PDB file of N, CA and C in Angstrom:
ATOM      1  N   UNK A   1     -43.771 -78.566  -9.720  1.00  0.00           N
ATOM      2  CA  UNK A   1     -44.273 -79.892 -10.138  1.00  0.00           C
ATOM      3  C   UNK A   1     -44.890 -79.874 -11.462  1.00  0.00           C
ATOM      4  N   UNK A   2     -44.675 -80.895 -12.307  1.00  0.00           N
ATOM      5  CA  UNK A   2     -45.292 -80.841 -13.554  1.00  0.00           C
ATOM      6  C   UNK A   2     -46.771 -81.259 -13.388  1.00  0.00           C
ATOM      7  N   UNK A   3     -47.568 -80.934 -14.364  1.00  0.00           N
ATOM      8  CA  UNK A   3     -49.037 -81.329 -14.390  1.00  0.00           C
ATOM      9  C   UNK A   3     -49.153 -82.798 -14.381  1.00  0.00           C
ATOM     10  N   UNK A   4     -48.330 -83.409 -15.353  1.00  0.00           N
ATOM     11  CA  UNK A   4     -48.373 -84.946 -15.434  1.00  0.00           C
ATOM     12  C   UNK A   4     -46.914 -85.436 -15.778  1.00  0.00           C
ATOM     13  N   UNK A   5     -46.781 -86.667 -15.431  1.00  0.00           N
ATOM     14  CA  UNK A   5     -45.506 -87.211 -15.850  1.00  0.00           C
ATOM     15  C   UNK A   5     -45.431 -87.980 -16.971  1.00  0.00           C
ATOM     16  N   UNK A   6     -44.594 -87.563 -18.006  1.00  0.00           N
ATOM     17  CA  UNK A   6     -44.433 -88.318 -19.243  1.00  0.00           C
ATOM     18  C   UNK A   6     -43.287 -89.385 -19.108  1.00  0.00           C
ATOM     19  N   UNK A   7     -43.604 -90.558 -18.918  1.00  0.00           N
ATOM     20  CA  UNK A   7     -42.540 -91.711 -18.648  1.00  0.00           C
ATOM     21  C   UNK A   7     -41.688 -91.766 -19.736  1.00  0.00           C
ATOM     22  N   UNK A   8     -41.943 -91.372 -20.921  1.00  0.00           N
ATOM     23  CA  UNK A   8     -41.063 -91.453 -22.132  1.00  0.00           C
ATOM     24  C   UNK A   8     -40.004 -90.365 -22.198  1.00  0.00           C
ATOM     25  N   UNK A   9     -40.294 -89.297 -21.362  1.00  0.00           N
ATOM     26  CA  UNK A   9     -39.340 -88.245 -21.379  1.00  0.00           C
ATOM     27  C   UNK A   9     -38.072 -88.657 -20.442  1.00  0.00           C
ATOM     28  N   UNK A  10     -36.965 -88.488 -21.061  1.00  0.00           N
ATOM     29  CA  UNK A  10     -35.705 -88.878 -20.217  1.00  0.00           C
ATOM     30  C   UNK A  10     -35.572 -87.914 -18.940  1.00  0.00           C
ATOM     31  N   UNK A  11     -35.997 -86.696 -19.001  1.00  0.00           N
ATOM     32  CA  UNK A  11     -35.980 -85.874 -17.779  1.00  0.00           C
ATOM     33  C   UNK A  11     -37.096 -85.851 -16.800  1.00  0.00           C
ATOM     34  N   UNK A  12     -37.860 -86.952 -16.907  1.00  0.00           N
ATOM     35  CA  UNK A  12     -39.060 -87.052 -16.021  1.00  0.00           C
ATOM     36  C   UNK A  12     -38.734 -87.049 -14.537  1.00  0.00           C
ATOM     37  N   UNK A  13     -37.598 -87.541 -14.147  1.00  0.00           N
ATOM     38  CA  UNK A  13     -37.264 -87.534 -12.804  1.00  0.00           C
ATOM     39  C   UNK A  13     -36.469 -86.395 -12.208  1.00  0.00           C
ATOM     40  N   UNK A  14     -36.238 -85.436 -13.132  1.00  0.00           N
ATOM     41  CA  UNK A  14     -35.421 -84.173 -12.733  1.00  0.00           C
ATOM     42  C   UNK A  14     -36.154 -83.457 -11.693  1.00  0.00           C
ATOM     43  N   UNK A  15     -37.419 -83.514 -11.508  1.00  0.00           N
ATOM     44  CA  UNK A  15     -38.163 -82.873 -10.546  1.00  0.00           C
ATOM     45  C   UNK A  15     -37.953 -83.214  -9.106  1.00  0.00           C
ATOM     46  N   UNK A  16     -37.337 -84.613  -8.970  1.00  0.00           N
ATOM     47  CA  UNK A  16     -37.190 -85.117  -7.629  1.00  0.00           C
ATOM     48  C   UNK A  16     -35.843 -84.700  -7.132  1.00  0.00           C
ATOM     49  N   UNK A  17     -35.864 -84.449  -5.901  1.00  0.00           N
ATOM     50  CA  UNK A  17     -34.526 -84.255  -5.151  1.00  0.00           C
ATOM     51  C   UNK A  17     -34.582 -84.785  -3.737  1.00  0.00           C
ATOM     52  N   UNK A  18     -33.361 -84.774  -3.123  1.00  0.00           N
ATOM     53  CA  UNK A  18     -33.105 -85.405  -1.898  1.00  0.00           C
ATOM     54  C   UNK A  18     -32.905 -84.250  -0.870  1.00  0.00           C
ATOM     55  N   UNK A  19     -33.617 -84.125   0.267  1.00  0.00           N
ATOM     56  CA  UNK A  19     -33.451 -83.106   1.239  1.00  0.00           C
ATOM     57  C   UNK A  19     -33.493 -83.752   2.616  1.00  0.00           C
ATOM     58  N   UNK A  20     -32.902 -83.052   3.540  1.00  0.00           N
ATOM     59  CA  UNK A  20     -32.958 -83.595   4.919  1.00  0.00           C
ATOM     60  C   UNK A  20     -32.657 -82.479   5.855  1.00  0.00           C
ATOM     61  N   UNK A  21     -33.514 -82.378   6.770  1.00  0.00           N
ATOM     62  CA  UNK A  21     -33.355 -81.312   7.903  1.00  0.00           C
ATOM     63  C   UNK A  21     -32.482 -81.944   9.030  1.00  0.00           C
ATOM     64  N   UNK A  22     -31.292 -81.433   9.377  1.00  0.00           N
ATOM     65  CA  UNK A  22     -30.393 -82.029  10.292  1.00  0.00           C
ATOM     66  C   UNK A  22     -30.266 -81.113  11.542  1.00  0.00           C
ATOM     67  N   UNK A  23     -30.383 -81.722  12.582  1.00  0.00           N
ATOM     68  CA  UNK A  23     -30.228 -81.012  13.942  1.00  0.00           C
ATOM     69  C   UNK A  23     -28.746 -81.020  14.440  1.00  0.00           C
ATOM     70  N   UNK A  24     -28.398 -80.278  15.332  1.00  0.00           N
ATOM     71  CA  UNK A  24     -27.037 -80.326  15.860  1.00  0.00           C
ATOM     72  C   UNK A  24     -26.929 -81.622  16.663  1.00  0.00           C
ATOM     73  N   UNK A  25     -25.893 -82.270  16.579  1.00  0.00           N
ATOM     74  CA  UNK A  25     -24.491 -82.098  16.262  1.00  0.00           C
ATOM     75  C   UNK A  25     -24.270 -82.677  14.899  1.00  0.00           C
ATOM     76  N   UNK A  26     -25.270 -83.381  14.247  1.00  0.00           N
ATOM     77  CA  UNK A  26     -25.101 -83.932  12.971  1.00  0.00           C
ATOM     78  C   UNK A  26     -24.775 -82.865  11.929  1.00  0.00           C
ATOM     79  N   UNK A  27     -25.165 -81.625  12.091  1.00  0.00           N
ATOM     80  CA  UNK A  27     -25.044 -80.686  11.076  1.00  0.00           C
ATOM     81  C   UNK A  27     -23.606 -80.208  10.951  1.00  0.00           C
ATOM     82  N   UNK A  28     -22.714 -80.622  11.881  1.00  0.00           N
ATOM     83  CA  UNK A  28     -21.333 -80.410  11.901  1.00  0.00           C
ATOM     84  C   UNK A  28     -20.659 -81.291  10.835  1.00  0.00           C
ATOM     85  N   UNK A  29     -21.118 -82.503  10.651  1.00  0.00           N
ATOM     86  CA  UNK A  29     -20.714 -83.413   9.676  1.00  0.00           C
ATOM     87  C   UNK A  29     -21.329 -83.319   8.359  1.00  0.00           C
ATOM     88  N   UNK A  30     -22.663 -83.241   8.450  1.00  0.00           N
ATOM     89  CA  UNK A  30     -23.465 -83.214   7.090  1.00  0.00           C
ATOM     90  C   UNK A  30     -23.832 -81.822   6.968  1.00  0.00           C
ATOM     91  N   UNK A  31     -22.941 -81.054   6.343  1.00  0.00           N
ATOM     92  CA  UNK A  31     -23.111 -79.636   6.060  1.00  0.00           C
ATOM     93  C   UNK A  31     -23.802 -79.435   4.722  1.00  0.00           C
ATOM     94  N   UNK A  32     -24.359 -78.340   4.371  1.00  0.00           N
ATOM     95  CA  UNK A  32     -25.045 -78.117   3.064  1.00  0.00           C
ATOM     96  C   UNK A  32     -24.346 -78.654   1.899  1.00  0.00           C
ATOM     97  N   UNK A  33     -22.982 -78.435   1.809  1.00  0.00           N
ATOM     98  CA  UNK A  33     -22.188 -78.899   0.606  1.00  0.00           C
ATOM     99  C   UNK A  33     -22.297 -80.395   0.643  1.00  0.00           C
ATOM    100  N   UNK A  34     -22.168 -81.187   1.727  1.00  0.00           N
ATOM    101  CA  UNK A  34     -22.252 -82.546   1.573  1.00  0.00           C
ATOM    102  C   UNK A  34     -23.567 -82.953   1.263  1.00  0.00           C
ATOM    103  N   UNK A  35     -24.631 -82.422   1.788  1.00  0.00           N
ATOM    104  CA  UNK A  35     -25.983 -82.766   1.435  1.00  0.00           C
ATOM    105  C   UNK A  35     -26.244 -82.573  -0.079  1.00  0.00           C
ATOM    106  N   UNK A  36     -25.738 -81.514  -0.647  1.00  0.00           N
ATOM    107  CA  UNK A  36     -25.688 -81.265  -2.011  1.00  0.00           C
ATOM    108  C   UNK A  36     -25.106 -82.429  -2.797  1.00  0.00           C
ATOM    109  N   UNK A  37     -23.853 -82.934  -2.276  1.00  0.00           N
ATOM    110  CA  UNK A  37     -23.140 -84.124  -2.975  1.00  0.00           C
ATOM    111  C   UNK A  37     -24.059 -85.252  -3.041  1.00  0.00           C
ATOM    112  N   UNK A  38     -24.789 -85.477  -1.801  1.00  0.00           N
ATOM    113  CA  UNK A  38     -25.558 -86.709  -1.770  1.00  0.00           C
ATOM    114  C   UNK A  38     -26.793 -86.533  -2.645  1.00  0.00           C
ATOM    115  N   UNK A  39     -27.235 -85.371  -2.748  1.00  0.00           N
ATOM    116  CA  UNK A  39     -28.389 -85.011  -3.698  1.00  0.00           C
ATOM    117  C   UNK A  39     -27.936 -85.428  -5.091  1.00  0.00           C
ATOM    118  N   UNK A  40     -26.815 -85.047  -5.543  1.00  0.00           N
ATOM    119  CA  UNK A  40     -26.375 -85.352  -6.820  1.00  0.00           C
ATOM    120  C   UNK A  40     -26.064 -86.820  -7.122  1.00  0.00           C
ATOM    121  N   UNK A  41     -25.683 -87.540  -6.033  1.00  0.00           N
ATOM    122  CA  UNK A  41     -25.544 -88.967  -6.092  1.00  0.00           C
ATOM    123  C   UNK A  41     -26.972 -89.574  -6.235  1.00  0.00           C
ATOM    124  N   UNK A  42     -27.839 -89.134  -5.589  1.00  0.00           N
ATOM    125  CA  UNK A  42     -29.366 -89.588  -5.541  1.00  0.00           C
ATOM    126  C   UNK A  42     -29.822 -89.357  -7.022  1.00  0.00           C
ATOM    127  N   UNK A  43     -29.655 -88.300  -7.537  1.00  0.00           N
ATOM    128  CA  UNK A  43     -30.175 -88.023  -8.873  1.00  0.00           C
ATOM    129  C   UNK A  43     -29.469 -88.886  -9.933  1.00  0.00           C
ATOM    130  N   UNK A  44     -28.211 -89.029  -9.805  1.00  0.00           N
ATOM    131  CA  UNK A  44     -27.444 -90.059 -10.699  1.00  0.00           C
ATOM    132  C   UNK A  44     -28.060 -91.563 -10.549  1.00  0.00           C
ATOM    133  N   UNK A  45     -28.236 -91.942  -9.326  1.00  0.00           N
ATOM    134  CA  UNK A  45     -28.731 -93.251  -9.095  1.00  0.00           C
ATOM    135  C   UNK A  45     -30.255 -93.384  -9.756  1.00  0.00           C
ATOM    136  N   UNK A  46     -31.010 -92.388  -9.582  1.00  0.00           N
ATOM    137  CA  UNK A  46     -32.281 -92.419 -10.173  1.00  0.00           C
ATOM    138  C   UNK A  46     -32.280 -92.448 -11.698  1.00  0.00           C
ATOM    139  N   UNK A  47     -31.345 -91.757 -12.358  1.00  0.00           N
ATOM    140  CA  UNK A  47     -31.146 -91.876 -13.765  1.00  0.00           C
ATOM    141  C   UNK A  47     -30.669 -93.362 -14.140  1.00  0.00           C
ATOM    142  N   UNK A  48     -29.774 -93.918 -13.451  1.00  0.00           N
ATOM    143  CA  UNK A  48     -29.339 -95.240 -13.724  1.00  0.00           C
ATOM    144  C   UNK A  48     -30.525 -96.228 -13.562  1.00  0.00           C
ATOM    145  N   UNK A  49     -31.385 -96.053 -12.547  1.00  0.00           N
ATOM    146  CA  UNK A  49     -32.558 -96.979 -12.432  1.00  0.00           C
ATOM    147  C   UNK A  49     -33.559 -96.741 -13.435  1.00  0.00           C
ATOM    148  N   UNK A  50     -33.716 -95.559 -13.845  1.00  0.00           N
ATOM    149  CA  UNK A  50     -34.569 -95.345 -14.960  1.00  0.00           C
ATOM    150  C   UNK A  50     -34.162 -95.891 -16.251  1.00  0.00           C
ATOM    151  N   UNK A  51     -32.916 -95.892 -16.525  1.00  0.00           N
ATOM    152  CA  UNK A  51     -32.319 -96.640 -17.728  1.00  0.00           C
ATOM    153  C   UNK A  51     -32.533 -98.112 -17.703  1.00  0.00           C
ATOM    154  N   UNK A  52     -32.474 -98.667 -16.372  1.00  0.00           N
ATOM    155  CA  UNK A  52     -32.661-100.003 -16.243  1.00  0.00           C
ATOM    156  C   UNK A  52     -34.135-100.416 -16.390  1.00  0.00           C
ATOM    157  N   UNK A  53     -35.058 -99.439 -16.022  1.00  0.00           N
ATOM    158  CA  UNK A  53     -36.487 -99.728 -16.254  1.00  0.00           C
ATOM    159  C   UNK A  53     -36.939 -99.696 -17.569  1.00  0.00           C
ATOM    160  N   UNK A  54     -36.257 -98.629 -18.461  1.00  0.00           N
ATOM    161  CA  UNK A  54     -36.432 -98.615 -19.876  1.00  0.00           C
ATOM    162  C   UNK A  54     -36.125 -99.871 -20.617  1.00  0.00           C
ATOM    163  N   UNK A  55     -34.905-100.407 -20.180  1.00  0.00           N
ATOM    164  CA  UNK A  55     -34.412-101.607 -20.895  1.00  0.00           C
ATOM    165  C   UNK A  55     -35.274-102.785 -20.559  1.00  0.00           C
ATOM    166  N   UNK A  56     -35.884-102.834 -19.180  1.00  0.00           N
ATOM    167  CA  UNK A  56     -36.733-103.938 -18.857  1.00  0.00           C
ATOM    168  C   UNK A  56     -38.049-103.743 -19.769  1.00  0.00           C
ATOM    169  N   UNK A  57     -38.434-102.497 -19.837  1.00  0.00           N
ATOM    170  CA  UNK A  57     -39.724-102.336 -20.682  1.00  0.00           C
ATOM    171  C   UNK A  57     -39.381-102.777 -22.209  1.00  0.00           C
ATOM    172  N   UNK A  58     -38.211-102.424 -22.561  1.00  0.00           N
ATOM    173  CA  UNK A  58     -37.914-102.773 -24.004  1.00  0.00           C
ATOM    174  C   UNK A  58     -38.008-104.281 -24.243  1.00  0.00           C
ATOM    175  N   UNK A  59     -37.418-104.991 -23.226  1.00  0.00           N
ATOM    176  CA  UNK A  59     -37.523-106.532 -23.263  1.00  0.00           C
ATOM    177  C   UNK A  59     -38.962-107.005 -23.288  1.00  0.00           C
ATOM    178  N   UNK A  60     -39.962-106.390 -22.574  1.00  0.00           N
ATOM    179  CA  UNK A  60     -41.218-106.731 -22.534  1.00  0.00           C
ATOM    180  C   UNK A  60     -41.988-106.503 -23.955  1.00  0.00           C
ATOM    181  N   UNK A  61     -41.572-105.415 -24.397  1.00  0.00           N
ATOM    182  CA  UNK A  61     -42.160-105.008 -25.733  1.00  0.00           C
ATOM    183  C   UNK A  61     -41.570-106.055 -26.844  1.00  0.00           C
ATOM    184  N   UNK A  62     -40.322-106.388 -26.713  1.00  0.00           N
ATOM    185  CA  UNK A  62     -39.849-107.452 -27.721  1.00  0.00           C
ATOM    186  C   UNK A  62     -40.471-108.708 -27.507  1.00  0.00           C
ATOM    187  N   UNK A  63     -40.711-109.068 -26.231  1.00  0.00           N
ATOM    188  CA  UNK A  63     -41.483-110.393 -26.133  1.00  0.00           C
ATOM    189  C   UNK A  63     -42.930-110.479 -26.567  1.00  0.00           C
ATOM    190  N   UNK A  64     -43.521-109.239 -26.413  1.00  0.00           N
ATOM    191  CA  UNK A  64     -44.943-109.165 -26.933  1.00  0.00           C
ATOM    192  C   UNK A  64     -44.907-109.143 -28.450  1.00  0.00           C
ATOM    193  N   UNK A  65     -43.880-108.555 -28.997  1.00  0.00           N
ATOM    194  CA  UNK A  65     -43.849-108.517 -30.575  1.00  0.00           C
ATOM    195  C   UNK A  65     -43.575-109.964 -31.052  1.00  0.00           C
ATOM    196  N   UNK A  66     -42.839-110.760 -30.304  1.00  0.00           N
ATOM    197  CA  UNK A  66     -42.532-112.110 -30.725  1.00  0.00           C
ATOM    198  C   UNK A  66     -43.935-113.005 -30.603  1.00  0.00           C
ATOM    199  N   UNK A  67     -44.835-112.705 -29.521  1.00  0.00           N
ATOM    200  CA  UNK A  67     -46.026-113.425 -29.503  1.00  0.00           C
ATOM    201  C   UNK A  67     -46.864-113.010 -30.611  1.00  0.00           C
ATOM    202  N   UNK A  68     -46.889-111.792 -31.014  1.00  0.00           N
ATOM    203  CA  UNK A  68     -47.725-111.265 -31.944  1.00  0.00           C
ATOM    204  C   UNK A  68     -47.441-111.718 -33.357  1.00  0.00           C
ATOM    205  N   UNK A  69     -46.077-111.724 -33.674  1.00  0.00           N
ATOM    206  CA  UNK A  69     -45.604-112.041 -35.077  1.00  0.00           C
ATOM    207  C   UNK A  69     -45.086-113.541 -35.180  1.00  0.00           C
ATOM    208  N   UNK A  70     -45.011-114.265 -34.270  1.00  0.00           N
ATOM    209  CA  UNK A  70     -44.602-115.704 -34.274  1.00  0.00           C
ATOM    210  C   UNK A  70     -43.141-115.955 -34.411  1.00  0.00           C
ATOM    211  N   UNK A  71     -42.889-117.269 -34.730  1.00  0.00           N
ATOM    212  CA  UNK A  71     -41.499-117.647 -34.701  1.00  0.00           C
ATOM    213  C   UNK A  71     -40.592-117.026 -35.850  1.00  0.00           C
ATOM    214  N   UNK A  72     -41.219-116.669 -36.840  1.00  0.00           N
ATOM    215  CA  UNK A  72     -40.417-116.152 -38.053  1.00  0.00           C
ATOM    216  C   UNK A  72     -39.630-114.876 -37.590  1.00  0.00           C
ATOM    217  N   UNK A  73     -40.085-114.125 -36.565  1.00  0.00           N
ATOM    218  CA  UNK A  73     -39.492-112.982 -36.053  1.00  0.00           C
ATOM    219  C   UNK A  73     -38.099-113.364 -35.444  1.00  0.00           C
ATOM    220  N   UNK A  74     -38.067-114.642 -34.858  1.00  0.00           N
ATOM    221  CA  UNK A  74     -36.728-115.037 -34.385  1.00  0.00           C
ATOM    222  C   UNK A  74     -35.649-115.163 -35.294  1.00  0.00           C
ATOM    223  N   UNK A  75     -36.014-115.425 -36.588  1.00  0.00           N
ATOM    224  CA  UNK A  75     -35.002-115.557 -37.620  1.00  0.00           C
ATOM    225  C   UNK A  75     -34.613-114.331 -38.285  1.00  0.00           C
ATOM    226  N   UNK A  76     -35.241-113.249 -37.849  1.00  0.00           N
ATOM    227  CA  UNK A  76     -34.868-111.927 -38.379  1.00  0.00           C
ATOM    228  C   UNK A  76     -33.635-111.454 -37.799  1.00  0.00           C
ATOM    229  N   UNK A  77     -32.566-111.129 -38.604  1.00  0.00           N
ATOM    230  CA  UNK A  77     -31.321-110.499 -38.035  1.00  0.00           C
ATOM    231  C   UNK A  77     -31.419-109.284 -37.281  1.00  0.00           C
ATOM    232  N   UNK A  78     -32.473-108.491 -37.672  1.00  0.00           N
ATOM    233  CA  UNK A  78     -32.717-107.205 -36.922  1.00  0.00           C
ATOM    234  C   UNK A  78     -33.201-107.467 -35.510  1.00  0.00           C
ATOM    235  N   UNK A  79     -34.076-108.413 -35.431  1.00  0.00           N
ATOM    236  CA  UNK A  79     -34.646-108.743 -34.115  1.00  0.00           C
ATOM    237  C   UNK A  79     -33.599-109.242 -33.168  1.00  0.00           C
ATOM    238  N   UNK A  80     -32.850-110.087 -33.765  1.00  0.00           N
ATOM    239  CA  UNK A  80     -31.706-110.803 -32.900  1.00  0.00           C
ATOM    240  C   UNK A  80     -30.682-109.628 -32.412  1.00  0.00           C
ATOM    241  N   UNK A  81     -30.471-108.880 -33.355  1.00  0.00           N
ATOM    242  CA  UNK A  81     -29.436-107.764 -33.105  1.00  0.00           C
ATOM    243  C   UNK A  81     -29.926-106.744 -32.033  1.00  0.00           C
ATOM    244  N   UNK A  82     -31.224-106.359 -32.224  1.00  0.00           N
ATOM    245  CA  UNK A  82     -31.806-105.631 -31.155  1.00  0.00           C
ATOM    246  C   UNK A  82     -31.753-106.103 -29.760  1.00  0.00           C
ATOM    247  N   UNK A  83     -32.159-107.519 -29.728  1.00  0.00           N
ATOM    248  CA  UNK A  83     -32.113-108.175 -28.467  1.00  0.00           C
ATOM    249  C   UNK A  83     -30.709-108.276 -27.896  1.00  0.00           C
ATOM    250  N   UNK A  84     -29.862-108.461 -28.742  1.00  0.00           N
ATOM    251  CA  UNK A  84     -28.300-108.621 -28.245  1.00  0.00           C
ATOM    252  C   UNK A  84     -27.870-107.288 -27.705  1.00  0.00           C
ATOM    253  N   UNK A  85     -28.236-106.194 -28.411  1.00  0.00           N
ATOM    254  CA  UNK A  85     -27.751-104.807 -27.918  1.00  0.00           C
ATOM    255  C   UNK A  85     -28.477-104.553 -26.601  1.00  0.00           C
ATOM    256  N   UNK A  86     -29.818-104.829 -26.576  1.00  0.00           N
ATOM    257  CA  UNK A  86     -30.414-104.467 -25.229  1.00  0.00           C
ATOM    258  C   UNK A  86     -30.022-105.347 -24.116  1.00  0.00           C
ATOM    259  N   UNK A  87     -29.565-106.619 -24.424  1.00  0.00           N
ATOM    260  CA  UNK A  87     -29.076-107.457 -23.297  1.00  0.00           C
ATOM    261  C   UNK A  87     -27.759-106.927 -22.856  1.00  0.00           C
ATOM    262  N   UNK A  88     -26.863-106.475 -23.903  1.00  0.00           N
ATOM    263  CA  UNK A  88     -25.604-105.906 -23.261  1.00  0.00           C
ATOM    264  C   UNK A  88     -25.798-104.682 -22.563  1.00  0.00           C
ATOM    265  N   UNK A  89     -26.593-103.772 -23.000  1.00  0.00           N
ATOM    266  CA  UNK A  89     -26.884-102.581 -22.288  1.00  0.00           C
ATOM    267  C   UNK A  89     -27.453-102.931 -20.787  1.00  0.00           C
ATOM    268  N   UNK A  90     -28.403-103.845 -20.815  1.00  0.00           N
ATOM    269  CA  UNK A  90     -28.833-104.131 -19.576  1.00  0.00           C
ATOM    270  C   UNK A  90     -27.816-104.699 -18.648  1.00  0.00           C
ATOM    271  N   UNK A  91     -27.035-105.655 -19.131  1.00  0.00           N
ATOM    272  CA  UNK A  91     -26.061-106.160 -18.319  1.00  0.00           C
ATOM    273  C   UNK A  91     -24.963-105.162 -17.749  1.00  0.00           C
ATOM    274  N   UNK A  92     -24.690-104.161 -18.625  1.00  0.00           N
ATOM    275  CA  UNK A  92     -23.869-103.117 -18.123  1.00  0.00           C
ATOM    276  C   UNK A  92     -24.522-102.323 -17.115  1.00  0.00           C
ATOM    277  N   UNK A  93     -25.681-101.948 -17.225  1.00  0.00           N
ATOM    278  CA  UNK A  93     -26.426-101.110 -16.366  1.00  0.00           C
ATOM    279  C   UNK A  93     -26.675-101.765 -14.981  1.00  0.00           C
ATOM    280  N   UNK A  94     -26.995-103.088 -15.042  1.00  0.00           N
ATOM    281  CA  UNK A  94     -27.124-103.948 -13.813  1.00  0.00           C
ATOM    282  C   UNK A  94     -25.776-104.072 -13.116  1.00  0.00           C
ATOM    283  N   UNK A  95     -24.615-104.299 -13.848  1.00  0.00           N
ATOM    284  CA  UNK A  95     -23.441-104.338 -13.193  1.00  0.00           C
ATOM    285  C   UNK A  95     -23.039-102.952 -12.526  1.00  0.00           C
ATOM    286  N   UNK A  96     -23.407-101.810 -13.169  1.00  0.00           N
ATOM    287  CA  UNK A  96     -23.145-100.420 -12.740  1.00  0.00           C
ATOM    288  C   UNK A  96     -24.018-100.325 -11.431  1.00  0.00           C
ATOM    289  N   UNK A  97     -25.252-100.648 -11.434  1.00  0.00           N
ATOM    290  CA  UNK A  97     -26.046-100.515 -10.210  1.00  0.00           C
ATOM    291  C   UNK A  97     -25.490-101.282  -9.078  1.00  0.00           C
ATOM    292  N   UNK A  98     -25.145-102.526  -9.308  1.00  0.00           N
ATOM    293  CA  UNK A  98     -24.603-103.316  -8.242  1.00  0.00           C
ATOM    294  C   UNK A  98     -23.162-102.739  -7.745  1.00  0.00           C
ATOM    295  N   UNK A  99     -22.487-102.169  -8.588  1.00  0.00           N
ATOM    296  CA  UNK A  99     -21.220-101.569  -8.187  1.00  0.00           C
ATOM    297  C   UNK A  99     -21.372-100.374  -7.366  1.00  0.00           C
ATOM    298  N   UNK A 100     -22.393 -99.582  -7.764  1.00  0.00           N
ATOM    299  CA  UNK A 100     -22.598 -98.282  -6.918  1.00  0.00           C
ATOM    300  C   UNK A 100     -23.280 -98.697  -5.742  1.00  0.00           C
TER     301      UNK A 100
END
């Protein structure tokens, strides 16, 4: 376990894993290889959820910067471009989460 979690680090959730102790007769179906596959799916879903969290946080930061700098920021092509890209990424990640 790390001393502290750095939320800006993309690998912050790599220390988490999924484990489960299975008694007979379920161990016949859920063998160690199957549990490892479920663990990989769990890690993948955590990464997708983290990306969603980062995009939500980016939206909050952009909203705060709009409040701070006023309406002239809305007319900036860079601000609009960043918002558009963030929105497309968020829509894709949200659709991926719902699909999975």
